[in-house]
């Protein structure tokens, strides 16, 4: 796909990128098999419970020192009720849906304790060792499946269908490192803000709430240019740092269009998710939602690859033009 016209400085087209993404998935529908398989596993597969492990920790919060004040127990009780409800309905297998790169799933937002054929097999993780081992396995499998999923889409867009084990393992290594590096970046950005908010809270709690909101917006703005990092890894076989630099360059030059593309994609996915999630978990019609969700999200991801290719060409043209002018 090439959304550029004869003018080498034409910015990427959001509409053409979205159309190309939908055409990519429609021409090769087996690309949505991995998201479907993940959702079916979360729907009908075993449930891995952790409420026995973490339930006592939540229950014993009222025994911590310093919470005997009159105004605190109601807050603690409400917090305990919320956390208890989350733990009771939580399935550790949702860790298969990894971030920021992973297989999209509709069922991560649905209860895992009921399906049209009854209740699934349940395993209870009663020790921290069991929890850590199971969580680590789920996360690694999730990243591997996400790696395979994104790799298949990128190969379809680039038009080649051969992949060696070395390339597969290299991209897997990069996407496992990516959340670690992103977490470090967020921590570095957050530390001075946490210090500032703490000082302001002593003076005015109202102003501190405003600063917290402002800090979250700043962090989001700071990491947004890294949004196309996975695309550099899978399309251009770059390492993590090189892919981050490429993403920053592309977003910096096409910031306006990129923001609108992200917003349009988000609204399309989340808007349709209300439809896909509407059937109950014990209703077979939820399978239609799983199919629709897998197709739409896969098409949006494919569209982002097409958009990134055109945005990269556009940014390179702008850079070359600036060099020629100088």
Protein backbone atom coordinates (compact mmCIF):
# COMPACT_ATOMS: atom_id res chain seq x y z
CA UNK A 1 0.00 0.00 0.00
CA UNK A 2 1.15 3.53 -0.75
CA UNK A 3 -1.11 6.30 0.37
CA UNK A 4 1.24 8.98 -0.95
CA UNK A 5 0.46 10.77 -4.14
CA UNK A 6 2.99 12.06 -6.65
CA UNK A 7 3.89 14.75 -4.17
CA UNK A 8 6.51 13.20 -1.92
CA UNK A 9 5.54 15.54 0.92
CA UNK A 10 1.93 14.41 1.24
CA UNK A 11 1.16 13.36 4.79
CA UNK A 12 -0.26 9.89 5.48
CA UNK A 13 -3.99 9.39 4.99
CA UNK A 14 -5.95 8.09 7.97
CA UNK A 15 -8.87 6.88 5.84
CA UNK A 16 -6.68 5.04 3.36
CA UNK A 17 -4.68 3.44 6.17
CA UNK A 18 -7.89 2.18 7.83
CA UNK A 19 -9.22 0.85 4.53
CA UNK A 20 -5.92 -0.90 3.85
CA UNK A 21 -5.99 -2.45 7.32
CA UNK A 22 -9.48 -3.86 6.83
CA UNK A 23 -8.52 -5.16 3.38
CA UNK A 24 -5.44 -6.85 4.84
CA UNK A 25 -7.46 -8.84 7.38
CA UNK A 26 -10.33 -9.52 4.95
CA UNK A 27 -7.90 -10.98 2.41
CA UNK A 28 -6.33 -13.27 5.03
CA UNK A 29 -8.92 -13.97 7.75
CA UNK A 30 -6.75 -16.60 9.44
CA UNK A 31 -4.84 -13.68 10.98
CA UNK A 32 -7.61 -13.41 13.58
CA UNK A 33 -7.30 -17.05 14.72
CA UNK A 34 -4.91 -16.28 17.59
CA UNK A 35 -7.23 -13.67 19.22
CA UNK A 36 -10.18 -16.03 18.79
CA UNK A 37 -8.24 -18.93 20.32
CA UNK A 38 -7.22 -16.79 23.31
CA UNK A 39 -10.80 -15.66 23.95
CA UNK A 40 -12.12 -19.21 23.68
CA UNK A 41 -9.50 -20.36 26.18
CA UNK A 42 -10.47 -17.62 28.63
CA UNK A 43 -14.15 -18.46 28.08
CA UNK A 44 -14.09 -22.25 28.32
CA UNK A 45 -10.65 -23.00 29.73
CA UNK A 46 -9.61 -23.53 33.35
CA UNK A 47 -9.86 -20.69 35.86
CA UNK A 48 -6.85 -19.92 38.01
CA UNK A 49 -8.04 -18.33 41.26
CA UNK A 50 -5.90 -16.23 43.61
CA UNK A 51 -8.52 -15.12 46.15
CA UNK A 52 -7.38 -17.67 48.75
CA UNK A 53 -3.84 -16.28 48.52
CA UNK A 54 -4.60 -12.55 48.62
CA UNK A 55 -7.96 -12.62 50.44
CA UNK A 56 -6.44 -12.83 53.95
CA UNK A 57 -4.13 -9.91 53.14
CA UNK A 58 -7.12 -7.72 52.29
CA UNK A 59 -9.07 -8.97 55.30
CA UNK A 60 -6.26 -8.11 57.71
CA UNK A 61 -5.99 -4.49 56.54
CA UNK A 62 -8.16 -3.38 59.46
CA UNK A 63 -5.55 -4.73 61.86
CA UNK A 64 -2.82 -2.44 60.59
CA UNK A 65 -1.62 0.26 63.03
CA UNK A 66 -3.04 3.75 62.62
CA UNK A 67 -6.48 2.90 61.21
CA UNK A 68 -8.50 3.11 64.41
CA UNK A 69 -9.57 6.71 63.75
CA UNK A 70 -13.30 7.21 63.40
CA UNK A 71 -13.20 8.43 59.81
CA UNK A 72 -10.97 5.68 58.41
CA UNK A 73 -12.82 2.33 58.96
CA UNK A 74 -15.70 3.11 56.51
CA UNK A 75 -13.13 3.86 53.81
CA UNK A 76 -11.22 0.67 54.60
CA UNK A 77 -14.41 -1.39 54.53
CA UNK A 78 -15.41 0.01 51.14
CA UNK A 79 -11.93 -0.63 49.79
CA UNK A 80 -11.98 -4.17 51.15
CA UNK A 81 -15.33 -4.87 49.50
CA UNK A 82 -14.09 -3.63 46.12
CA UNK A 83 -10.83 -5.59 46.26
CA UNK A 84 -12.62 -8.71 47.51
CA UNK A 85 -15.04 -8.53 44.58
CA UNK A 86 -12.14 -8.14 42.14
CA UNK A 87 -10.24 -11.09 43.63
CA UNK A 88 -13.32 -13.30 43.67
CA UNK A 89 -13.90 -12.79 39.93
CA UNK A 90 -10.25 -12.63 38.87
CA UNK A 91 -8.72 -15.28 36.63
CA UNK A 92 -4.93 -15.24 36.52
CA UNK A 93 -5.10 -16.56 32.95
CA UNK A 94 -5.99 -13.03 31.79
CA UNK A 95 -2.24 -12.39 32.17
CA UNK A 96 -2.03 -13.98 28.72
CA UNK A 97 -3.22 -10.57 27.47
CA UNK A 98 0.11 -8.81 27.72
CA UNK A 99 0.86 -5.11 27.32
CA UNK A 100 1.95 -3.04 25.47
CA UNK A 101 2.28 -5.80 22.86
CA UNK A 102 -0.03 -8.77 23.03
CA UNK A 103 -3.01 -10.59 21.60
CA UNK A 104 -6.22 -8.53 21.82
CA UNK A 105 -8.95 -10.17 23.88
CA UNK A 106 -12.60 -9.45 24.55
CA UNK A 107 -12.88 -11.93 27.41
CA UNK A 108 -10.41 -10.18 29.70
CA UNK A 109 -13.26 -7.83 30.58
CA UNK A 110 -15.79 -10.62 31.17
CA UNK A 111 -16.25 -13.02 34.07
CA UNK A 112 -14.45 -16.35 33.63
CA UNK A 113 -16.60 -18.40 36.00
CA UNK A 114 -19.49 -19.24 33.67
CA UNK A 115 -19.99 -20.24 30.04
CA UNK A 116 -22.84 -21.75 27.93
CA UNK A 117 -21.93 -25.32 28.91
CA UNK A 118 -21.62 -24.66 32.64
CA UNK A 119 -18.79 -23.78 34.98
CA UNK A 120 -15.15 -24.33 33.98
CA UNK A 121 -12.53 -26.31 35.86
CA UNK A 122 -11.07 -24.20 38.67
CA UNK A 123 -7.56 -24.28 40.11
CA UNK A 124 -6.76 -22.37 43.27
CA UNK A 125 -3.25 -21.00 43.75
CA UNK A 126 -2.63 -21.16 47.49
CA UNK A 127 1.03 -20.16 47.73
CA UNK A 128 3.11 -17.27 46.48
CA UNK A 129 5.40 -19.71 44.65
CA UNK A 130 2.51 -21.19 42.69
CA UNK A 131 1.25 -17.69 41.91
CA UNK A 132 4.62 -16.43 40.66
CA UNK A 133 5.30 -19.50 38.52
CA UNK A 134 1.83 -19.47 36.97
CA UNK A 135 1.90 -15.70 36.39
CA UNK A 136 5.35 -15.84 34.79
CA UNK A 137 4.32 -18.68 32.48
CA UNK A 138 1.15 -16.89 31.42
CA UNK A 139 3.05 -13.66 30.73
CA UNK A 140 5.79 -15.36 28.70
CA UNK A 141 3.25 -17.36 26.67
CA UNK A 142 1.24 -14.16 26.19
CA UNK A 143 4.24 -12.27 24.83
CA UNK A 144 5.14 -15.20 22.58
CA UNK A 145 1.61 -15.31 21.15
CA UNK A 146 1.61 -11.53 20.77
CA UNK A 147 4.95 -11.74 18.99
CA UNK A 148 3.57 -14.38 16.60
CA UNK A 149 0.35 -12.40 16.07
CA UNK A 150 2.06 -9.11 15.22
CA UNK A 151 4.66 -10.92 13.12
CA UNK A 152 1.96 -12.58 11.00
CA UNK A 153 0.23 -9.26 10.36
CA UNK A 154 3.49 -7.51 9.44
CA UNK A 155 4.44 -10.34 7.06
CA UNK A 156 1.08 -10.05 5.31
CA UNK A 157 1.59 -6.31 4.86
CA UNK A 158 5.17 -6.64 3.63
CA UNK A 159 4.19 -9.49 1.31
CA UNK A 160 6.62 -12.17 2.46
CA UNK A 161 5.73 -15.34 4.30
CA UNK A 162 9.03 -16.87 5.38
CA UNK A 163 10.39 -16.39 8.87
CA UNK A 164 13.31 -18.08 10.59
CA UNK A 165 13.54 -19.00 14.24
CA UNK A 166 16.30 -16.46 14.88
CA UNK A 167 14.13 -13.56 13.70
CA UNK A 168 11.17 -14.86 15.73
CA UNK A 169 13.22 -15.10 18.91
CA UNK A 170 14.84 -11.71 18.32
CA UNK A 171 11.48 -9.91 18.06
CA UNK A 172 10.27 -11.85 21.11
CA UNK A 173 13.29 -10.64 23.06
CA UNK A 174 12.64 -7.03 22.03
CA UNK A 175 8.96 -7.01 23.05
CA UNK A 176 9.76 -8.58 26.43
CA UNK A 177 12.27 -5.81 27.07
CA UNK A 178 9.86 -3.11 25.93
CA UNK A 179 7.53 -3.01 29.00
CA UNK A 180 10.57 -3.07 31.30
CA UNK A 181 12.13 -0.07 29.59
CA UNK A 182 8.80 1.76 29.45
CA UNK A 183 8.31 1.18 33.17
CA UNK A 184 11.76 2.63 33.87
CA UNK A 185 10.95 5.70 31.74
CA UNK A 186 7.65 6.23 33.57
CA UNK A 187 9.37 5.87 36.97
CA UNK A 188 12.05 8.41 36.01
CA UNK A 189 9.38 10.85 34.82
CA UNK A 190 7.22 10.26 37.88
CA UNK A 191 9.77 10.69 40.67
CA UNK A 192 10.12 14.50 40.51
CA UNK A 193 6.35 14.83 40.08
CA UNK A 194 5.68 12.65 43.13
CA UNK A 195 8.05 14.82 45.17
CA UNK A 196 6.35 18.01 43.95
CA UNK A 197 2.82 16.68 44.57
CA UNK A 198 3.82 15.58 48.08
CA UNK A 199 5.03 19.08 48.93
CA UNK A 200 1.95 20.74 47.44
CA UNK A 201 -0.38 18.35 49.29
CA UNK A 202 0.90 19.69 52.59
CA UNK A 203 -0.13 23.20 51.49
CA UNK A 204 -3.31 22.53 49.51
CA UNK A 205 -4.86 19.09 48.78
CA UNK A 206 -7.09 20.68 46.11
CA UNK A 207 -4.12 21.96 44.12
CA UNK A 208 -2.40 18.59 44.53
CA UNK A 209 -5.33 16.86 42.79
CA UNK A 210 -4.92 19.24 39.86
CA UNK A 211 -1.17 18.56 39.75
CA UNK A 212 -1.76 14.80 39.73
CA UNK A 213 -4.03 15.14 36.71
CA UNK A 214 -1.48 17.41 35.04
CA UNK A 215 1.30 14.93 35.78
CA UNK A 216 -0.65 12.04 34.24
CA UNK A 217 -1.29 14.10 31.10
CA UNK A 218 2.41 14.98 30.91
CA UNK A 219 3.51 11.33 31.24
CA UNK A 220 1.01 10.29 28.56
CA UNK A 221 2.26 13.07 26.29
CA UNK A 222 5.89 12.07 26.95
CA UNK A 223 5.45 8.37 26.07
CA UNK A 224 3.00 8.90 23.19
CA UNK A 225 5.80 9.34 20.60
CA UNK A 226 6.82 5.73 21.38
CA UNK A 227 3.48 4.40 20.10
CA UNK A 228 5.01 2.99 16.89
CA UNK A 229 7.92 1.22 18.57
CA UNK A 230 6.46 -2.27 17.89
CA UNK A 231 6.05 -1.36 14.23
CA UNK A 232 9.76 -0.66 13.84
CA UNK A 233 10.55 -3.99 15.50
CA UNK A 234 8.27 -6.06 13.27
CA UNK A 235 8.43 -4.15 9.97
CA UNK A 236 12.05 -3.02 9.88
CA UNK A 237 13.59 -5.65 12.21
CA UNK A 238 15.04 -2.93 14.43
CA UNK A 239 16.17 -3.43 17.98
CA UNK A 240 14.17 -1.79 20.77
CA UNK A 241 16.20 1.42 21.04
CA UNK A 242 16.36 1.96 17.27
CA UNK A 243 12.60 1.30 16.99
CA UNK A 244 11.91 3.85 19.74
CA UNK A 245 14.04 6.47 17.97
CA UNK A 246 12.26 5.79 14.66
CA UNK A 247 8.87 6.08 16.34
CA UNK A 248 9.81 9.40 17.97
CA UNK A 249 11.00 10.83 14.64
CA UNK A 250 7.87 9.73 12.80
CA UNK A 251 5.45 10.99 15.46
CA UNK A 252 7.31 14.28 15.87
CA UNK A 253 6.87 15.13 12.19
CA UNK A 254 3.32 13.80 11.80
CA UNK A 255 2.03 14.54 15.31
CA UNK A 256 -1.34 16.00 14.29
CA UNK A 257 -2.33 13.16 11.96
CA UNK A 258 -1.00 10.56 14.40
CA UNK A 259 -3.14 11.87 17.26
CA UNK A 260 -6.24 11.80 15.04
CA UNK A 261 -5.40 8.27 13.87
CA UNK A 262 -5.01 7.03 17.45
CA UNK A 263 -8.23 8.76 18.51
CA UNK A 264 -10.21 7.38 15.55
CA UNK A 265 -8.87 3.86 16.19
CA UNK A 266 -9.67 4.04 19.90
CA UNK A 267 -13.22 5.28 19.33
CA UNK A 268 -13.86 2.59 16.71
CA UNK A 269 -12.59 -0.25 18.92
CA UNK A 270 -14.19 0.92 22.17
CA UNK A 271 -17.44 1.92 20.51
CA UNK A 272 -17.91 -1.51 18.95
CA UNK A 273 -16.80 -3.22 22.16
CA UNK A 274 -20.06 -2.11 23.76
CA UNK A 275 -21.80 -4.23 21.13
CA UNK A 276 -19.43 -7.19 21.36
CA UNK A 277 -19.65 -7.32 25.18
CA UNK A 278 -23.44 -7.06 25.34
CA UNK A 279 -24.23 -10.84 25.44
CA UNK A 280 -23.83 -12.55 28.82
CA UNK A 281 -21.04 -15.04 29.34
CA UNK A 282 -23.54 -17.94 29.36
CA UNK A 283 -24.95 -16.92 25.96
CA UNK A 284 -23.63 -18.46 22.74
CA UNK A 285 -24.12 -15.10 20.98
CA UNK A 286 -21.00 -13.92 22.78
CA UNK A 287 -19.06 -15.96 20.21
CA UNK A 288 -20.27 -13.51 17.55
CA UNK A 289 -18.83 -10.73 19.69
CA UNK A 290 -15.51 -12.59 19.91
CA UNK A 291 -15.37 -12.91 16.12
CA UNK A 292 -16.30 -9.26 15.58
CA UNK A 293 -13.82 -8.02 18.16
CA UNK A 294 -10.98 -10.13 16.72
CA UNK A 295 -11.65 -8.85 13.20
CA UNK A 296 -12.02 -5.16 14.10
CA UNK A 297 -9.01 -4.96 16.41
CA UNK A 298 -6.83 -6.93 13.98
CA UNK A 299 -7.89 -4.58 11.18
CA UNK A 300 -7.00 -1.54 13.31
CA UNK A 301 -3.59 -3.02 14.13
CA UNK A 302 -3.00 -3.74 10.43
CA UNK A 303 -4.11 -0.17 9.65
CA UNK A 304 -1.53 1.14 12.13
CA UNK A 305 1.19 -0.75 10.24
CA UNK A 306 0.05 0.79 6.94
CA UNK A 307 -0.14 4.22 8.54
CA UNK A 308 3.35 3.83 10.02
CA UNK A 309 4.85 2.86 6.65
CA UNK A 310 3.37 5.95 4.98
CA UNK A 311 4.25 8.19 7.93
CA UNK A 312 7.84 6.91 7.83
CA UNK A 313 8.09 7.73 4.12
CA UNK A 314 6.62 11.16 4.73
CA UNK A 315 8.94 11.94 7.65
CA UNK A 316 11.97 10.77 5.67
CA UNK A 317 10.94 13.02 2.79
CA UNK A 318 10.64 15.99 5.14
CA UNK A 319 14.05 15.24 6.68
CA UNK A 320 15.68 14.89 3.25
CA UNK A 321 14.05 18.10 2.08
CA UNK A 322 15.33 19.97 5.12
CA UNK A 323 18.83 18.63 4.49
CA UNK A 324 18.70 19.77 0.87
CA UNK A 325 17.58 23.25 1.92
CA UNK A 326 20.52 23.55 4.27
